[in-house]
Amino acid sequence: MKNNITIQMTSDEAIVLYEFLCRFNNQKETTDLQDQSEQRALWDIETILEKQLIDTFKSDYLAIVEQARNKIRDKD
């Protein structure tokens, strides 16, 4: 039996995280990982986010990503 957890984040955080995971998961080599299970977990999170985000299908997706990054970036 799996124990599920819930993580709450804004849609902006989800878009930025999804974009990062897509880039990271598409790298030829992921040398920072210690075990294949870490890669599996990242692939699974990417898939979960992909199912939730409708913005990934919009023609202005790259602009949406940039807006999301600007909203959550530190203001320093």
C-alpha atoms as a PDB file:
ATOM      1  CA  MET A   1       0.000   0.000   0.000  1.00  0.00           C
ATOM      2  CA  LYS A   2       1.349   3.401  -0.995  1.00  0.00           C
ATOM      3  CA  ASN A   3       1.212   6.325   1.371  1.00  0.00           C
ATOM      4  CA  ASN A   4       0.436   9.439  -0.659  1.00  0.00           C
ATOM      5  CA  ILE A   5       1.364  12.961   0.277  1.00  0.00           C
ATOM      6  CA  THR A   6       0.007  16.239  -1.033  1.00  0.00           C
ATOM      7  CA  ILE A   7       2.162  19.212  -1.909  1.00  0.00           C
ATOM      8  CA  GLN A   8       0.503  22.552  -2.485  1.00  0.00           C
ATOM      9  CA  MET A   9       2.089  25.117  -4.768  1.00  0.00           C
ATOM     10  CA  THR A  10       0.969  27.993  -6.899  1.00  0.00           C
ATOM     11  CA  SER A  11       0.442  27.508 -10.609  1.00  0.00           C
ATOM     12  CA  ASP A  12       3.485  29.721 -11.195  1.00  0.00           C
ATOM     13  CA  GLU A  13       5.630  27.454  -9.004  1.00  0.00           C
ATOM     14  CA  ALA A  14       4.264  24.396 -10.788  1.00  0.00           C
ATOM     15  CA  ILE A  15       5.066  25.817 -14.236  1.00  0.00           C
ATOM     16  CA  VAL A  16       8.619  26.754 -13.234  1.00  0.00           C
ATOM     17  CA  LEU A  17       9.195  23.374 -11.584  1.00  0.00           C
ATOM     18  CA  TYR A  18       7.742  21.542 -14.586  1.00  0.00           C
ATOM     19  CA  GLU A  19       9.986  23.452 -16.981  1.00  0.00           C
ATOM     20  CA  PHE A  20      13.041  22.654 -14.848  1.00  0.00           C
ATOM     21  CA  LEU A  21      12.145  18.964 -14.623  1.00  0.00           C
ATOM     22  CA  CYS A  22      11.660  18.729 -18.384  1.00  0.00           C
ATOM     23  CA  ARG A  23      15.117  20.183 -18.968  1.00  0.00           C
ATOM     24  CA  PHE A  24      16.760  18.107 -16.244  1.00  0.00           C
ATOM     25  CA  ASN A  25      15.078  14.862 -17.236  1.00  0.00           C
ATOM     26  CA  ASN A  26      16.075  15.326 -20.887  1.00  0.00           C
ATOM     27  CA  GLN A  27      19.782  15.636 -20.121  1.00  0.00           C
ATOM     28  CA  LYS A  28      21.896  12.846 -21.577  1.00  0.00           C
ATOM     29  CA  GLU A  29      23.689  12.348 -18.267  1.00  0.00           C
ATOM     30  CA  THR A  30      22.430  13.213 -14.802  1.00  0.00           C
ATOM     31  CA  THR A  31      25.601  12.808 -12.788  1.00  0.00           C
ATOM     32  CA  ASP A  32      24.200  14.479  -9.675  1.00  0.00           C
ATOM     33  CA  LEU A  33      21.913  11.542  -8.956  1.00  0.00           C
ATOM     34  CA  GLN A  34      23.034   8.888  -6.512  1.00  0.00           C
ATOM     35  CA  ASP A  35      20.493   6.229  -7.441  1.00  0.00           C
ATOM     36  CA  GLN A  36      18.166   5.467 -10.363  1.00  0.00           C
ATOM     37  CA  SER A  37      15.210   5.776  -7.974  1.00  0.00           C
ATOM     38  CA  GLU A  38      15.894   9.528  -7.809  1.00  0.00           C
ATOM     39  CA  GLN A  39      15.538   9.742 -11.594  1.00  0.00           C
ATOM     40  CA  ARG A  40      12.312   7.731 -11.428  1.00  0.00           C
ATOM     41  CA  ALA A  41      10.900  10.101  -8.780  1.00  0.00           C
ATOM     42  CA  LEU A  42      11.744  13.141 -10.932  1.00  0.00           C
ATOM     43  CA  TRP A  43      10.152  11.555 -14.011  1.00  0.00           C
ATOM     44  CA  ASP A  44       7.036  10.788 -11.966  1.00  0.00           C
ATOM     45  CA  ILE A  45       6.760  14.355 -10.649  1.00  0.00           C
ATOM     46  CA  GLU A  46       7.151  15.698 -14.184  1.00  0.00           C
ATOM     47  CA  THR A  47       4.320  13.432 -15.340  1.00  0.00           C
ATOM     48  CA  ILE A  48       2.059  14.471 -12.465  1.00  0.00           C
ATOM     49  CA  LEU A  49       2.630  18.158 -13.219  1.00  0.00           C
ATOM     50  CA  GLU A  50       2.130  17.639 -16.947  1.00  0.00           C
ATOM     51  CA  LYS A  51      -1.311  16.148 -16.270  1.00  0.00           C
ATOM     52  CA  GLN A  52      -2.288  19.169 -14.136  1.00  0.00           C
ATOM     53  CA  LEU A  53      -0.957  22.046 -16.243  1.00  0.00           C
ATOM     54  CA  ILE A  54      -3.052  23.200 -19.188  1.00  0.00           C
ATOM     55  CA  ASP A  55      -0.665  26.059 -20.013  1.00  0.00           C
ATOM     56  CA  THR A  56       1.835  23.664 -21.595  1.00  0.00           C
ATOM     57  CA  PHE A  57      -0.503  23.365 -24.590  1.00  0.00           C
ATOM     58  CA  LYS A  58      -0.922  27.103 -25.182  1.00  0.00           C
ATOM     59  CA  SER A  59       0.827  28.803 -28.081  1.00  0.00           C
ATOM     60  CA  ASP A  60       2.300  31.426 -25.733  1.00  0.00           C
ATOM     61  CA  TYR A  61       3.700  28.840 -23.298  1.00  0.00           C
ATOM     62  CA  LEU A  62       7.218  30.305 -23.275  1.00  0.00           C
ATOM     63  CA  ALA A  63       5.817  33.720 -22.331  1.00  0.00           C
ATOM     64  CA  ILE A  64       3.765  32.070 -19.568  1.00  0.00           C
ATOM     65  CA  VAL A  65       6.924  30.411 -18.215  1.00  0.00           C
ATOM     66  CA  GLU A  66       8.786  33.720 -18.223  1.00  0.00           C
ATOM     67  CA  GLN A  67       5.926  35.472 -16.420  1.00  0.00           C
ATOM     68  CA  ALA A  68       5.815  32.709 -13.812  1.00  0.00           C
ATOM     69  CA  ARG A  69       9.573  32.965 -13.272  1.00  0.00           C
ATOM     70  CA  ASN A  70       9.297  36.730 -12.813  1.00  0.00           C
ATOM     71  CA  LYS A  71       6.502  36.343 -10.266  1.00  0.00           C
ATOM     72  CA  ILE A  72       8.328  33.900  -8.004  1.00  0.00           C
ATOM     73  CA  ARG A  73      11.877  35.158  -8.425  1.00  0.00           C
ATOM     74  CA  ASP A  74      13.388  36.830  -5.340  1.00  0.00           C
ATOM     75  CA  LYS A  75      13.022  40.597  -5.565  1.00  0.00           C
ATOM     76  CA  ASP A  76      16.583  41.332  -4.405  1.00  0.00           C
END
